[in-house]
Structures are given as structure tokens and as C-alpha cells.
Amino acid sequence: MLRLRQAVVAAGDLDAVAGELSKRLGLREPFADPGVGHFGLRNAVFCLGDTFLEVVSPVKEGTAAGRLIDRRGGDCGYMTMFQLDDFAAARDRVRAESVREVFDVSLEDIEEVHLHPADMRGAIVSVSRPSPPEAWRWGGPDWESRSAAVRVVGATIAVAETGAVAARWESVLGAPPSEAGVGFVEDPDERGLVEVLLEADDGEPFQLGGVRFSFR
């Protein structure tokens, strides 16, 4: 099993972007995870069905999110978080591909590692194994009660050399990213995560936080 469980946007103004997302998508109250303070960030995590959409915003100088916002000249896509079954095998593949790990955590209900965007290209990639599989610690306590009738079902990553990048992601994830709804488009500027695909009864595409939100 390979799933895109959460997509993350980096924004200079957390409250403005989170508020507009909530209004446009009919989302419920987000979870503010105090743990992201470790990275010099604030966040808002929305529950969309059993998937998640997160907005992060730097509150300190020198954060990875802040540097990316500066490089991109504004709000932008930041991270894709995948769920898979065999976490140990995934870490073996990470090492075999000489991909650097920038963060890892092992808790009673989730194992996760974040991979260096310079090695993966396009975005920070996270691989996770929640336990049980339907759990998701990062959604906050009782996230099911805050779930909205919309789901994250895919993403588009803009990079140069799409074939090489897609192959690297497949090697690390253990399956083609397309199985999780993730595709790649050619972009010499390597803008990374440029689109989040949502499943909903209806919806009009819109641009927010440097990312296009599309519907199927």
C-alpha cells in the first residue's frame, strides 16, 4: 500500500491562508501541533476525510520553510507525506539510494522519516507507518470528529528531468508515485509541489498558498 496521506504548504501568513482554505473547502477547525515549534514553525492541520492538509509558517529565522519561501518569492508547496506498510524496507531503500534523512521519529503509534529535498528533488518527502494503519497522529486528538467531506487524492510535482525524479521517488517509495496520485511535470525552475488534487462532490479550482487546488 502506498498513499499520499498529507500535503503541506508553506505560507508567510498562516492565519490568512488557513482561513481561506477553510472557507473555500468547508473545512472544520484545524489542529495546531505544538511539536512543530521544534522546527521554528506554527501550523494548522485540516482533516479531509482520512487525509490531511497542513499549512506551516515560520516563526523564527533560518527555518527550512522560511528559506524555501524566500527562494520561491512567496508561499509555496512544501512537503508530501506518504503512508506505506513496510517502514523498515523503506528505510533500507533510502539508504541504498544514498538519500539523506533530515528527521526521524519512532513513537507508539507512528514511525516516520523525512527525506532531504535536495536528494529527492521537488519537495521534502516523508514516509510513515502509522499504527494502526487508519491512525494519523499529526491530525491531532479525535481528528475524525473534525473531518470534512473532501479528500486529498493526489499532487503534481514540477521539476526538471521528470523521468529521473520519478524514478528516484519510485525507488524510495517502493512503488510508482502514480499509485498515490502523484505526477510530475517538466519545469526548469523546479517549483516543486504546485498542485494538490482533491476529491469532492463539487468544487472550482483555485490558487492559494502558491499551490493550485484542483478537483476530481
N, C-alpha and C. Protein backbone atom coordinates (compact mmCIF):
# COMPACT_ATOMS: atom_id res chain seq x y z
N MET A 1 0.83 -1.20 0.00
CA MET A 1 0.00 0.00 0.00
C MET A 1 0.86 1.25 0.00
N LEU A 2 0.55 2.17 -0.87
CA LEU A 2 1.20 3.49 -0.88
C LEU A 2 0.11 4.53 -0.99
N ARG A 3 0.08 5.47 -0.05
CA ARG A 3 -0.94 6.53 -0.05
C ARG A 3 -0.27 7.87 0.17
N LEU A 4 -0.79 8.90 -0.48
CA LEU A 4 -0.45 10.26 -0.12
C LEU A 4 -1.41 10.64 1.01
N ARG A 5 -0.90 10.69 2.21
CA ARG A 5 -1.78 10.90 3.37
C ARG A 5 -1.89 12.38 3.73
N GLN A 6 -0.84 13.17 3.44
CA GLN A 6 -0.88 14.58 3.83
C GLN A 6 -0.05 15.41 2.86
N ALA A 7 -0.56 16.60 2.51
CA ALA A 7 0.17 17.57 1.70
C ALA A 7 0.37 18.82 2.54
N VAL A 8 1.52 19.47 2.35
CA VAL A 8 1.89 20.60 3.20
C VAL A 8 2.28 21.80 2.35
N VAL A 9 1.75 22.96 2.74
CA VAL A 9 2.03 24.23 2.09
C VAL A 9 2.76 25.13 3.08
N ALA A 10 3.75 25.87 2.61
CA ALA A 10 4.46 26.85 3.43
C ALA A 10 3.96 28.25 3.09
N ALA A 11 3.57 29.00 4.11
CA ALA A 11 2.98 30.32 3.89
C ALA A 11 3.56 31.34 4.86
N GLY A 12 3.70 32.56 4.39
CA GLY A 12 4.18 33.63 5.25
C GLY A 12 3.16 34.03 6.29
N ASP A 13 1.89 33.98 5.94
CA ASP A 13 0.79 34.36 6.84
C ASP A 13 -0.09 33.14 7.06
N LEU A 14 0.18 32.42 8.12
CA LEU A 14 -0.54 31.18 8.39
C LEU A 14 -2.05 31.40 8.51
N ASP A 15 -2.43 32.39 9.30
CA ASP A 15 -3.85 32.58 9.58
C ASP A 15 -4.64 32.94 8.32
N ALA A 16 -4.04 33.76 7.45
CA ALA A 16 -4.74 34.16 6.23
C ALA A 16 -4.94 32.97 5.31
N VAL A 17 -3.89 32.19 5.08
CA VAL A 17 -4.00 31.05 4.16
C VAL A 17 -4.89 29.96 4.74
N ALA A 18 -4.71 29.64 6.02
CA ALA A 18 -5.55 28.62 6.64
C ALA A 18 -7.01 29.05 6.65
N GLY A 19 -7.26 30.30 6.94
CA GLY A 19 -8.63 30.79 6.95
C GLY A 19 -9.29 30.71 5.59
N GLU A 20 -8.55 31.05 4.54
CA GLU A 20 -9.11 31.00 3.20
C GLU A 20 -9.33 29.55 2.76
N LEU A 21 -8.42 28.64 3.11
CA LEU A 21 -8.63 27.23 2.80
C LEU A 21 -9.89 26.70 3.47
N SER A 22 -10.05 27.05 4.73
CA SER A 22 -11.21 26.60 5.47
C SER A 22 -12.50 27.08 4.81
N LYS A 23 -12.51 28.34 4.39
CA LYS A 23 -13.70 28.91 3.77
C LYS A 23 -14.00 28.27 2.43
N ARG A 24 -12.98 28.10 1.60
CA ARG A 24 -13.20 27.58 0.25
C ARG A 24 -13.58 26.10 0.23
N LEU A 25 -13.03 25.34 1.18
CA LEU A 25 -13.24 23.89 1.15
C LEU A 25 -14.24 23.41 2.21
N GLY A 26 -14.77 24.33 3.00
CA GLY A 26 -15.71 23.92 4.03
C GLY A 26 -15.07 23.07 5.11
N LEU A 27 -13.84 23.43 5.49
CA LEU A 27 -13.10 22.64 6.46
C LEU A 27 -13.47 23.03 7.88
N ARG A 28 -13.23 22.11 8.79
CA ARG A 28 -13.51 22.36 10.19
C ARG A 28 -12.26 22.86 10.91
N GLU A 29 -12.36 23.04 12.21
CA GLU A 29 -11.27 23.63 12.99
C GLU A 29 -9.98 22.84 12.80
N PRO A 30 -8.87 23.51 12.47
CA PRO A 30 -7.60 22.80 12.31
C PRO A 30 -6.94 22.51 13.65
N PHE A 31 -6.03 21.57 13.62
CA PHE A 31 -5.21 21.24 14.78
C PHE A 31 -3.91 22.02 14.71
N ALA A 32 -3.55 22.67 15.81
CA ALA A 32 -2.27 23.37 15.91
C ALA A 32 -1.33 22.49 16.73
N ASP A 33 -0.34 21.94 16.07
CA ASP A 33 0.58 20.99 16.71
C ASP A 33 1.72 21.75 17.37
N PRO A 34 1.81 21.73 18.69
CA PRO A 34 2.91 22.45 19.35
C PRO A 34 4.28 21.86 19.02
N GLY A 35 4.30 20.60 18.56
CA GLY A 35 5.57 19.95 18.26
C GLY A 35 6.33 20.60 17.11
N VAL A 36 5.63 21.31 16.20
CA VAL A 36 6.35 21.92 15.09
C VAL A 36 7.17 23.12 15.52
N GLY A 37 6.97 23.57 16.76
CA GLY A 37 7.84 24.61 17.28
C GLY A 37 9.30 24.19 17.28
N HIS A 38 9.56 22.88 17.33
CA HIS A 38 10.92 22.35 17.24
C HIS A 38 11.60 22.77 15.94
N PHE A 39 10.79 22.96 14.88
CA PHE A 39 11.31 23.36 13.57
C PHE A 39 11.21 24.87 13.36
N GLY A 40 10.80 25.61 14.39
CA GLY A 40 10.64 27.06 14.25
C GLY A 40 9.40 27.45 13.48
N LEU A 41 8.34 26.64 13.61
CA LEU A 41 7.13 26.83 12.81
C LEU A 41 5.88 26.91 13.69
N ARG A 42 4.83 27.48 13.11
CA ARG A 42 3.44 27.29 13.54
C ARG A 42 2.75 26.49 12.44
N ASN A 43 1.64 25.85 12.79
CA ASN A 43 0.95 25.12 11.74
C ASN A 43 -0.55 25.06 11.99
N ALA A 44 -1.26 24.66 10.96
CA ALA A 44 -2.69 24.36 11.02
C ALA A 44 -2.90 23.12 10.18
N VAL A 45 -3.42 22.05 10.80
CA VAL A 45 -3.63 20.78 10.11
C VAL A 45 -5.13 20.52 10.00
N PHE A 46 -5.62 20.49 8.76
CA PHE A 46 -7.02 20.23 8.48
C PHE A 46 -7.22 18.76 8.15
N CYS A 47 -8.36 18.20 8.58
CA CYS A 47 -8.70 16.82 8.27
C CYS A 47 -9.68 16.80 7.11
N LEU A 48 -9.30 16.12 6.04
CA LEU A 48 -10.13 15.98 4.84
C LEU A 48 -10.41 14.50 4.64
N GLY A 49 -11.57 14.04 5.11
CA GLY A 49 -11.82 12.61 5.13
C GLY A 49 -10.83 11.98 6.09
N ASP A 50 -10.03 11.02 5.58
CA ASP A 50 -8.95 10.47 6.41
C ASP A 50 -7.58 10.89 5.87
N THR A 51 -7.56 12.02 5.15
CA THR A 51 -6.32 12.62 4.68
C THR A 51 -6.19 14.01 5.28
N PHE A 52 -5.04 14.66 5.02
CA PHE A 52 -4.76 15.88 5.76
C PHE A 52 -4.08 16.93 4.88
N LEU A 53 -4.38 18.16 5.20
CA LEU A 53 -3.80 19.30 4.51
C LEU A 53 -3.25 20.23 5.59
N GLU A 54 -1.97 20.53 5.49
CA GLU A 54 -1.29 21.31 6.52
C GLU A 54 -0.72 22.60 5.92
N VAL A 55 -0.84 23.67 6.69
CA VAL A 55 -0.17 24.92 6.37
C VAL A 55 0.84 25.18 7.47
N VAL A 56 2.09 25.46 7.10
CA VAL A 56 3.13 25.80 8.07
C VAL A 56 3.63 27.21 7.79
N SER A 57 4.06 27.88 8.85
CA SER A 57 4.55 29.24 8.71
C SER A 57 5.71 29.44 9.68
N PRO A 58 6.82 30.01 9.23
CA PRO A 58 7.97 30.20 10.12
C PRO A 58 7.71 31.27 11.16
N VAL A 59 8.20 31.01 12.36
CA VAL A 59 8.13 32.00 13.44
C VAL A 59 9.53 32.35 13.94
N LYS A 60 10.55 31.75 13.35
CA LYS A 60 11.94 32.03 13.67
C LYS A 60 12.73 32.21 12.38
N GLU A 61 13.88 32.82 12.49
CA GLU A 61 14.77 32.95 11.34
C GLU A 61 15.47 31.63 11.06
N GLY A 62 15.78 31.40 9.80
CA GLY A 62 16.62 30.27 9.42
C GLY A 62 15.92 28.94 9.33
N THR A 63 14.59 28.92 9.26
CA THR A 63 13.89 27.64 9.11
C THR A 63 13.94 27.18 7.65
N ALA A 64 13.80 25.86 7.46
CA ALA A 64 13.76 25.34 6.09
C ALA A 64 12.58 25.91 5.33
N ALA A 65 11.43 26.03 6.00
CA ALA A 65 10.25 26.58 5.33
C ALA A 65 10.45 28.04 4.97
N GLY A 66 11.05 28.80 5.88
CA GLY A 66 11.31 30.21 5.60
C GLY A 66 12.27 30.42 4.45
N ARG A 67 13.31 29.59 4.40
CA ARG A 67 14.28 29.71 3.30
C ARG A 67 13.62 29.36 1.96
N LEU A 68 12.72 28.37 1.98
CA LEU A 68 12.04 28.00 0.74
C LEU A 68 11.11 29.11 0.28
N ILE A 69 10.38 29.71 1.20
CA ILE A 69 9.51 30.84 0.85
C ILE A 69 10.33 31.97 0.24
N ASP A 70 11.49 32.23 0.81
CA ASP A 70 12.35 33.29 0.26
C ASP A 70 12.83 32.94 -1.13
N ARG A 71 13.26 31.69 -1.34
CA ARG A 71 13.75 31.28 -2.66
C ARG A 71 12.66 31.33 -3.70
N ARG A 72 11.47 30.94 -3.33
CA ARG A 72 10.36 30.90 -4.28
C ARG A 72 9.69 32.25 -4.45
N GLY A 73 10.04 33.20 -3.60
CA GLY A 73 9.45 34.53 -3.70
C GLY A 73 8.03 34.61 -3.18
N GLY A 74 7.67 33.72 -2.26
CA GLY A 74 6.32 33.75 -1.68
C GLY A 74 5.87 32.36 -1.28
N ASP A 75 4.62 32.26 -0.89
CA ASP A 75 4.04 30.99 -0.46
C ASP A 75 4.23 29.91 -1.51
N CYS A 76 4.33 28.65 -1.05
CA CYS A 76 4.66 27.57 -1.98
C CYS A 76 4.35 26.22 -1.36
N GLY A 77 4.28 25.21 -2.23
CA GLY A 77 4.19 23.84 -1.76
C GLY A 77 5.46 23.45 -1.03
N TYR A 78 5.33 22.58 -0.04
CA TYR A 78 6.47 22.32 0.86
C TYR A 78 6.78 20.83 1.01
N MET A 79 5.76 20.00 1.19
CA MET A 79 6.04 18.63 1.62
C MET A 79 4.93 17.69 1.18
N THR A 80 5.31 16.44 0.86
CA THR A 80 4.36 15.37 0.60
C THR A 80 4.65 14.24 1.57
N MET A 81 3.58 13.74 2.22
CA MET A 81 3.75 12.75 3.28
C MET A 81 3.02 11.47 2.88
N PHE A 82 3.79 10.40 2.70
CA PHE A 82 3.27 9.14 2.21
C PHE A 82 3.16 8.11 3.33
N GLN A 83 2.11 7.33 3.25
CA GLN A 83 1.93 6.20 4.15
C GLN A 83 2.22 4.92 3.38
N LEU A 84 2.97 4.01 4.02
CA LEU A 84 3.26 2.71 3.43
C LEU A 84 3.26 1.65 4.52
N ASP A 85 3.34 0.39 4.10
CA ASP A 85 3.20 -0.72 5.04
C ASP A 85 4.52 -1.11 5.71
N ASP A 86 5.58 -1.21 4.93
CA ASP A 86 6.84 -1.76 5.43
C ASP A 86 7.86 -0.64 5.62
N PHE A 87 7.89 -0.10 6.82
CA PHE A 87 8.75 1.05 7.09
C PHE A 87 10.23 0.66 7.06
N ALA A 88 10.56 -0.48 7.61
CA ALA A 88 11.97 -0.91 7.63
C ALA A 88 12.51 -1.06 6.21
N ALA A 89 11.71 -1.64 5.32
CA ALA A 89 12.14 -1.80 3.94
C ALA A 89 12.30 -0.44 3.27
N ALA A 90 11.43 0.50 3.60
CA ALA A 90 11.54 1.84 3.03
C ALA A 90 12.85 2.50 3.46
N ARG A 91 13.21 2.37 4.71
CA ARG A 91 14.48 2.97 5.17
C ARG A 91 15.68 2.27 4.51
N ASP A 92 15.56 0.98 4.27
CA ASP A 92 16.63 0.29 3.54
C ASP A 92 16.77 0.88 2.14
N ARG A 93 15.66 1.17 1.49
CA ARG A 93 15.71 1.75 0.15
C ARG A 93 16.29 3.17 0.19
N VAL A 94 15.95 3.91 1.21
CA VAL A 94 16.51 5.26 1.38
C VAL A 94 18.03 5.20 1.46
N ARG A 95 18.54 4.29 2.25
CA ARG A 95 20.00 4.16 2.40
C ARG A 95 20.63 3.67 1.10
N ALA A 96 19.96 2.75 0.42
CA ALA A 96 20.50 2.23 -0.84
C ALA A 96 20.61 3.31 -1.89
N GLU A 97 19.71 4.29 -1.84
CA GLU A 97 19.71 5.40 -2.79
C GLU A 97 20.57 6.57 -2.32
N SER A 98 21.22 6.42 -1.15
CA SER A 98 22.07 7.48 -0.56
C SER A 98 21.29 8.78 -0.36
N VAL A 99 20.04 8.63 0.04
CA VAL A 99 19.20 9.78 0.36
C VAL A 99 19.36 10.12 1.83
N ARG A 100 19.59 11.38 2.11
CA ARG A 100 19.78 11.81 3.49
C ARG A 100 18.45 11.93 4.23
N GLU A 101 18.45 11.51 5.48
CA GLU A 101 17.31 11.68 6.36
C GLU A 101 17.52 12.97 7.17
N VAL A 102 16.51 13.83 7.19
CA VAL A 102 16.64 15.09 7.92
C VAL A 102 15.88 15.08 9.23
N PHE A 103 15.00 14.09 9.42
CA PHE A 103 14.25 13.96 10.67
C PHE A 103 13.68 12.56 10.73
N ASP A 104 13.70 11.96 11.91
CA ASP A 104 13.03 10.69 12.07
C ASP A 104 12.42 10.60 13.46
N VAL A 105 11.35 9.85 13.56
CA VAL A 105 10.66 9.70 14.83
C VAL A 105 10.08 8.29 14.89
N SER A 106 10.12 7.70 16.07
CA SER A 106 9.54 6.39 16.29
C SER A 106 8.74 6.47 17.59
N LEU A 107 7.42 6.43 17.46
CA LEU A 107 6.51 6.53 18.59
C LEU A 107 5.60 5.31 18.61
N GLU A 108 4.79 5.20 19.66
CA GLU A 108 3.96 4.01 19.78
C GLU A 108 2.94 3.88 18.66
N ASP A 109 2.58 5.01 18.04
CA ASP A 109 1.52 4.97 17.01
C ASP A 109 1.99 5.39 15.63
N ILE A 110 3.28 5.71 15.47
CA ILE A 110 3.77 6.06 14.13
C ILE A 110 5.30 5.98 14.08
N GLU A 111 5.79 5.52 12.94
CA GLU A 111 7.21 5.63 12.58
C GLU A 111 7.28 6.51 11.34
N GLU A 112 8.26 7.43 11.32
CA GLU A 112 8.30 8.36 10.19
C GLU A 112 9.72 8.88 10.00
N VAL A 113 10.03 9.16 8.74
CA VAL A 113 11.30 9.78 8.40
C VAL A 113 11.06 10.80 7.30
N HIS A 114 11.73 11.95 7.41
CA HIS A 114 11.68 12.99 6.39
C HIS A 114 12.97 12.95 5.59
N LEU A 115 12.85 13.10 4.28
CA LEU A 115 13.99 12.94 3.38
C LEU A 115 14.39 14.27 2.77
N HIS A 116 15.67 14.44 2.58
CA HIS A 116 16.23 15.72 2.13
C HIS A 116 15.73 16.07 0.74
N PRO A 117 15.16 17.29 0.58
CA PRO A 117 14.62 17.66 -0.73
C PRO A 117 15.67 17.78 -1.82
N ALA A 118 16.92 18.05 -1.46
CA ALA A 118 17.96 18.12 -2.48
C ALA A 118 18.25 16.74 -3.06
N ASP A 119 18.02 15.69 -2.27
CA ASP A 119 18.24 14.33 -2.75
C ASP A 119 17.01 13.79 -3.48
N MET A 120 15.81 14.12 -2.97
CA MET A 120 14.58 13.64 -3.59
C MET A 120 14.15 14.52 -4.75
N ARG A 121 14.38 15.82 -4.61
CA ARG A 121 14.01 16.86 -5.57
C ARG A 121 12.50 17.05 -5.63
N GLY A 122 12.10 18.31 -5.64
CA GLY A 122 10.70 18.65 -5.78
C GLY A 122 10.00 18.99 -4.49
N ALA A 123 10.35 18.32 -3.41
CA ALA A 123 9.68 18.56 -2.13
C ALA A 123 10.38 17.74 -1.06
N ILE A 124 10.18 18.14 0.20
CA ILE A 124 10.50 17.21 1.27
C ILE A 124 9.54 16.04 1.14
N VAL A 125 10.07 14.84 1.19
CA VAL A 125 9.24 13.64 1.14
C VAL A 125 9.31 12.97 2.50
N SER A 126 8.15 12.63 3.03
CA SER A 126 8.06 11.90 4.29
C SER A 126 7.48 10.52 4.01
N VAL A 127 8.03 9.50 4.68
CA VAL A 127 7.42 8.17 4.63
C VAL A 127 7.06 7.77 6.05
N SER A 128 5.86 7.22 6.19
CA SER A 128 5.32 6.95 7.52
C SER A 128 4.64 5.59 7.56
N ARG A 129 4.66 4.99 8.74
CA ARG A 129 3.85 3.80 9.00
C ARG A 129 3.09 4.04 10.31
N PRO A 130 1.84 4.50 10.20
CA PRO A 130 1.03 4.67 11.40
C PRO A 130 0.53 3.32 11.91
N SER A 131 0.27 3.24 13.20
CA SER A 131 -0.23 2.01 13.80
C SER A 131 -1.37 2.36 14.78
N PRO A 132 -2.59 1.90 14.47
CA PRO A 132 -3.00 1.09 13.32
C PRO A 132 -2.97 1.91 12.03
N PRO A 133 -3.12 1.26 10.87
CA PRO A 133 -2.97 1.97 9.60
C PRO A 133 -3.93 3.14 9.42
N GLU A 134 -5.09 3.09 10.03
CA GLU A 134 -6.05 4.19 9.88
C GLU A 134 -5.74 5.38 10.79
N ALA A 135 -4.78 5.24 11.70
CA ALA A 135 -4.42 6.33 12.62
C ALA A 135 -3.61 7.39 11.89
N TRP A 136 -3.55 8.59 12.49
CA TRP A 136 -2.67 9.64 11.96
C TRP A 136 -2.44 10.67 13.07
N ARG A 137 -1.34 10.48 13.80
CA ARG A 137 -1.02 11.31 14.96
C ARG A 137 -1.03 12.80 14.63
N TRP A 138 -0.56 13.15 13.43
CA TRP A 138 -0.36 14.57 13.09
C TRP A 138 -1.69 15.31 12.89
N GLY A 139 -2.79 14.57 12.82
CA GLY A 139 -4.10 15.22 12.71
C GLY A 139 -4.62 15.75 14.03
N GLY A 140 -3.98 15.35 15.13
CA GLY A 140 -4.40 15.81 16.45
C GLY A 140 -5.41 14.88 17.08
N PRO A 141 -5.70 15.09 18.36
CA PRO A 141 -6.65 14.23 19.06
C PRO A 141 -8.04 14.28 18.41
N ASP A 142 -8.65 13.10 18.30
CA ASP A 142 -10.02 12.99 17.79
C ASP A 142 -10.20 13.69 16.44
N TRP A 143 -9.22 13.50 15.56
CA TRP A 143 -9.31 14.19 14.27
C TRP A 143 -10.54 13.76 13.46
N GLU A 144 -11.01 12.56 13.71
CA GLU A 144 -12.17 12.09 12.96
C GLU A 144 -13.38 13.01 13.16
N SER A 145 -13.50 13.61 14.35
CA SER A 145 -14.65 14.48 14.62
C SER A 145 -14.56 15.80 13.88
N ARG A 146 -13.37 16.10 13.31
CA ARG A 146 -13.18 17.35 12.57
C ARG A 146 -13.04 17.11 11.07
N SER A 147 -13.43 15.92 10.63
CA SER A 147 -13.23 15.55 9.23
C SER A 147 -14.26 16.22 8.33
N ALA A 148 -13.80 16.74 7.20
CA ALA A 148 -14.67 17.37 6.21
C ALA A 148 -14.89 16.42 5.03
N ALA A 149 -15.94 16.67 4.28
CA ALA A 149 -16.34 15.79 3.17
C ALA A 149 -15.56 16.09 1.90
N VAL A 150 -14.25 15.94 1.99
CA VAL A 150 -13.33 16.15 0.87
C VAL A 150 -12.07 15.38 1.21
N ARG A 151 -11.32 14.94 0.19
CA ARG A 151 -10.12 14.15 0.44
C ARG A 151 -8.98 14.61 -0.45
N VAL A 152 -7.75 14.47 0.06
CA VAL A 152 -6.55 14.65 -0.75
C VAL A 152 -6.30 13.35 -1.51
N VAL A 153 -6.26 13.41 -2.84
CA VAL A 153 -6.10 12.19 -3.63
C VAL A 153 -4.91 12.25 -4.59
N GLY A 154 -4.17 13.35 -4.59
CA GLY A 154 -3.02 13.40 -5.49
C GLY A 154 -2.30 14.73 -5.41
N ALA A 155 -1.24 14.82 -6.18
CA ALA A 155 -0.43 16.03 -6.21
C ALA A 155 0.38 16.06 -7.50
N THR A 156 0.79 17.26 -7.89
CA THR A 156 1.67 17.44 -9.04
C THR A 156 2.95 18.09 -8.58
N ILE A 157 4.08 17.51 -9.02
CA ILE A 157 5.40 17.99 -8.64
C ILE A 157 6.09 18.51 -9.91
N ALA A 158 6.51 19.78 -9.88
CA ALA A 158 7.15 20.41 -11.04
C ALA A 158 8.66 20.40 -10.85
N VAL A 159 9.35 19.68 -11.74
CA VAL A 159 10.80 19.53 -11.65
C VAL A 159 11.40 19.45 -13.05
N ALA A 160 12.67 19.73 -13.14
CA ALA A 160 13.42 19.38 -14.35
C ALA A 160 13.72 17.89 -14.30
N GLU A 161 13.88 17.27 -15.44
CA GLU A 161 14.22 15.84 -15.52
C GLU A 161 13.18 14.98 -14.81
N THR A 162 11.95 15.08 -15.25
CA THR A 162 10.86 14.38 -14.58
C THR A 162 11.11 12.87 -14.51
N GLY A 163 11.68 12.31 -15.56
CA GLY A 163 11.90 10.87 -15.56
C GLY A 163 12.84 10.43 -14.45
N ALA A 164 13.94 11.17 -14.28
CA ALA A 164 14.91 10.82 -13.24
C ALA A 164 14.32 11.00 -11.85
N VAL A 165 13.56 12.08 -11.66
CA VAL A 165 12.99 12.35 -10.34
C VAL A 165 11.91 11.31 -10.02
N ALA A 166 11.06 11.00 -10.98
CA ALA A 166 10.03 10.00 -10.76
C ALA A 166 10.66 8.64 -10.42
N ALA A 167 11.76 8.31 -11.08
CA ALA A 167 12.45 7.06 -10.81
C ALA A 167 13.03 7.04 -9.40
N ARG A 168 13.58 8.16 -8.96
CA ARG A 168 14.12 8.24 -7.61
C ARG A 168 13.00 8.06 -6.58
N TRP A 169 11.88 8.75 -6.78
CA TRP A 169 10.77 8.62 -5.84
C TRP A 169 10.26 7.18 -5.82
N GLU A 170 10.15 6.56 -6.98
CA GLU A 170 9.69 5.17 -7.02
C GLU A 170 10.65 4.25 -6.30
N SER A 171 11.95 4.46 -6.49
CA SER A 171 12.94 3.62 -5.82
C SER A 171 12.82 3.73 -4.30
N VAL A 172 12.56 4.92 -3.81
CA VAL A 172 12.46 5.14 -2.37
C VAL A 172 11.12 4.65 -1.82
N LEU A 173 10.04 4.95 -2.54
CA LEU A 173 8.71 4.62 -2.04
C LEU A 173 8.36 3.15 -2.24
N GLY A 174 9.05 2.48 -3.15
CA GLY A 174 8.78 1.07 -3.37
C GLY A 174 7.64 0.81 -4.33
N ALA A 175 7.10 1.87 -4.95
CA ALA A 175 6.01 1.76 -5.92
C ALA A 175 5.98 3.04 -6.72
N PRO A 176 5.41 3.03 -7.92
CA PRO A 176 5.32 4.27 -8.68
C PRO A 176 4.51 5.31 -7.92
N PRO A 177 4.98 6.55 -7.85
CA PRO A 177 4.22 7.61 -7.17
C PRO A 177 2.81 7.78 -7.72
N SER A 178 2.61 7.39 -8.98
CA SER A 178 1.28 7.49 -9.58
C SER A 178 0.26 6.65 -8.82
N GLU A 179 0.71 5.59 -8.14
CA GLU A 179 -0.22 4.78 -7.36
C GLU A 179 -0.84 5.59 -6.22
N ALA A 180 -0.15 6.65 -5.80
CA ALA A 180 -0.66 7.54 -4.77
C ALA A 180 -1.21 8.83 -5.37
N GLY A 181 -1.40 8.84 -6.70
CA GLY A 181 -1.96 10.02 -7.36
C GLY A 181 -0.97 11.14 -7.61
N VAL A 182 0.31 10.85 -7.51
CA VAL A 182 1.34 11.88 -7.67
C VAL A 182 1.94 11.80 -9.07
N GLY A 183 1.96 12.94 -9.76
CA GLY A 183 2.55 13.03 -11.08
C GLY A 183 3.59 14.13 -11.15
N PHE A 184 4.34 14.16 -12.24
CA PHE A 184 5.44 15.11 -12.40
C PHE A 184 5.28 15.86 -13.72
N VAL A 185 5.60 17.14 -13.70
CA VAL A 185 5.59 17.96 -14.91
C VAL A 185 6.94 18.66 -15.03
N GLU A 186 7.36 18.85 -16.28
CA GLU A 186 8.65 19.49 -16.55
C GLU A 186 8.60 20.97 -16.16
N ASP A 187 9.63 21.40 -15.44
CA ASP A 187 9.72 22.78 -15.01
C ASP A 187 11.18 23.10 -14.72
N PRO A 188 11.85 23.91 -15.58
CA PRO A 188 13.26 24.22 -15.34
C PRO A 188 13.50 24.97 -14.04
N ASP A 189 12.47 25.63 -13.51
CA ASP A 189 12.61 26.35 -12.25
C ASP A 189 12.40 25.45 -11.04
N GLU A 190 12.01 24.20 -11.26
CA GLU A 190 11.82 23.23 -10.17
C GLU A 190 11.01 23.82 -9.03
N ARG A 191 9.76 24.20 -9.32
CA ARG A 191 8.91 24.81 -8.30
C ARG A 191 8.34 23.79 -7.32
N GLY A 192 8.56 22.52 -7.56
CA GLY A 192 8.18 21.50 -6.59
C GLY A 192 6.69 21.23 -6.56
N LEU A 193 6.12 21.16 -5.37
CA LEU A 193 4.70 20.87 -5.19
C LEU A 193 3.88 22.06 -5.67
N VAL A 194 3.23 21.91 -6.82
CA VAL A 194 2.49 23.02 -7.42
C VAL A 194 0.99 22.78 -7.46
N GLU A 195 0.55 21.55 -7.20
CA GLU A 195 -0.87 21.26 -7.27
C GLU A 195 -1.24 20.17 -6.28
N VAL A 196 -2.36 20.37 -5.61
CA VAL A 196 -2.96 19.34 -4.76
C VAL A 196 -4.30 18.97 -5.38
N LEU A 197 -4.51 17.68 -5.61
CA LEU A 197 -5.75 17.19 -6.20
C LEU A 197 -6.68 16.71 -5.08
N LEU A 198 -7.91 17.19 -5.10
CA LEU A 198 -8.89 16.86 -4.08
C LEU A 198 -10.06 16.10 -4.70
N GLU A 199 -10.68 15.28 -3.89
CA GLU A 199 -11.90 14.59 -4.29
C GLU A 199 -13.05 15.18 -3.48
N ALA A 200 -14.07 15.66 -4.17
CA ALA A 200 -15.21 16.28 -3.52
C ALA A 200 -16.42 16.17 -4.42
N ASP A 201 -17.59 16.40 -3.85
CA ASP A 201 -18.81 16.35 -4.66
C ASP A 201 -18.81 17.43 -5.73
N ASP A 202 -18.27 18.59 -5.40
CA ASP A 202 -18.14 19.67 -6.37
C ASP A 202 -17.04 20.60 -5.90
N GLY A 203 -16.61 21.48 -6.79
CA GLY A 203 -15.57 22.44 -6.44
C GLY A 203 -14.96 23.06 -7.68
N GLU A 204 -14.61 24.31 -7.58
CA GLU A 204 -13.94 25.02 -8.65
C GLU A 204 -12.46 25.17 -8.31
N PRO A 205 -11.56 24.91 -9.26
CA PRO A 205 -10.13 25.06 -8.99
C PRO A 205 -9.80 26.46 -8.51
N PHE A 206 -8.82 26.54 -7.63
CA PHE A 206 -8.37 27.84 -7.15
C PHE A 206 -6.89 27.78 -6.79
N GLN A 207 -6.27 28.95 -6.73
CA GLN A 207 -4.86 29.08 -6.39
C GLN A 207 -4.75 29.72 -5.02
N LEU A 208 -3.97 29.11 -4.13
CA LEU A 208 -3.79 29.64 -2.78
C LEU A 208 -2.51 29.08 -2.19
N GLY A 209 -1.78 29.92 -1.47
CA GLY A 209 -0.55 29.45 -0.84
C GLY A 209 0.50 29.00 -1.84
N GLY A 210 0.45 29.56 -3.06
CA GLY A 210 1.40 29.18 -4.08
C GLY A 210 1.11 27.83 -4.73
N VAL A 211 -0.06 27.26 -4.45
CA VAL A 211 -0.43 25.93 -4.93
C VAL A 211 -1.80 26.00 -5.58
N ARG A 212 -1.99 25.24 -6.67
CA ARG A 212 -3.30 25.13 -7.30
C ARG A 212 -4.04 23.97 -6.66
N PHE A 213 -5.27 24.19 -6.28
CA PHE A 213 -6.14 23.14 -5.75
C PHE A 213 -7.16 22.78 -6.82
N SER A 214 -7.09 21.54 -7.27
CA SER A 214 -7.96 21.03 -8.33
C SER A 214 -8.84 19.93 -7.78
N PHE A 215 -9.91 19.62 -8.52
CA PHE A 215 -10.89 18.66 -8.04
C PHE A 215 -11.13 17.56 -9.06
N ARG A 216 -11.47 16.39 -8.52
CA ARG A 216 -11.91 15.30 -9.40
C ARG A 216 -13.24 14.80 -8.89
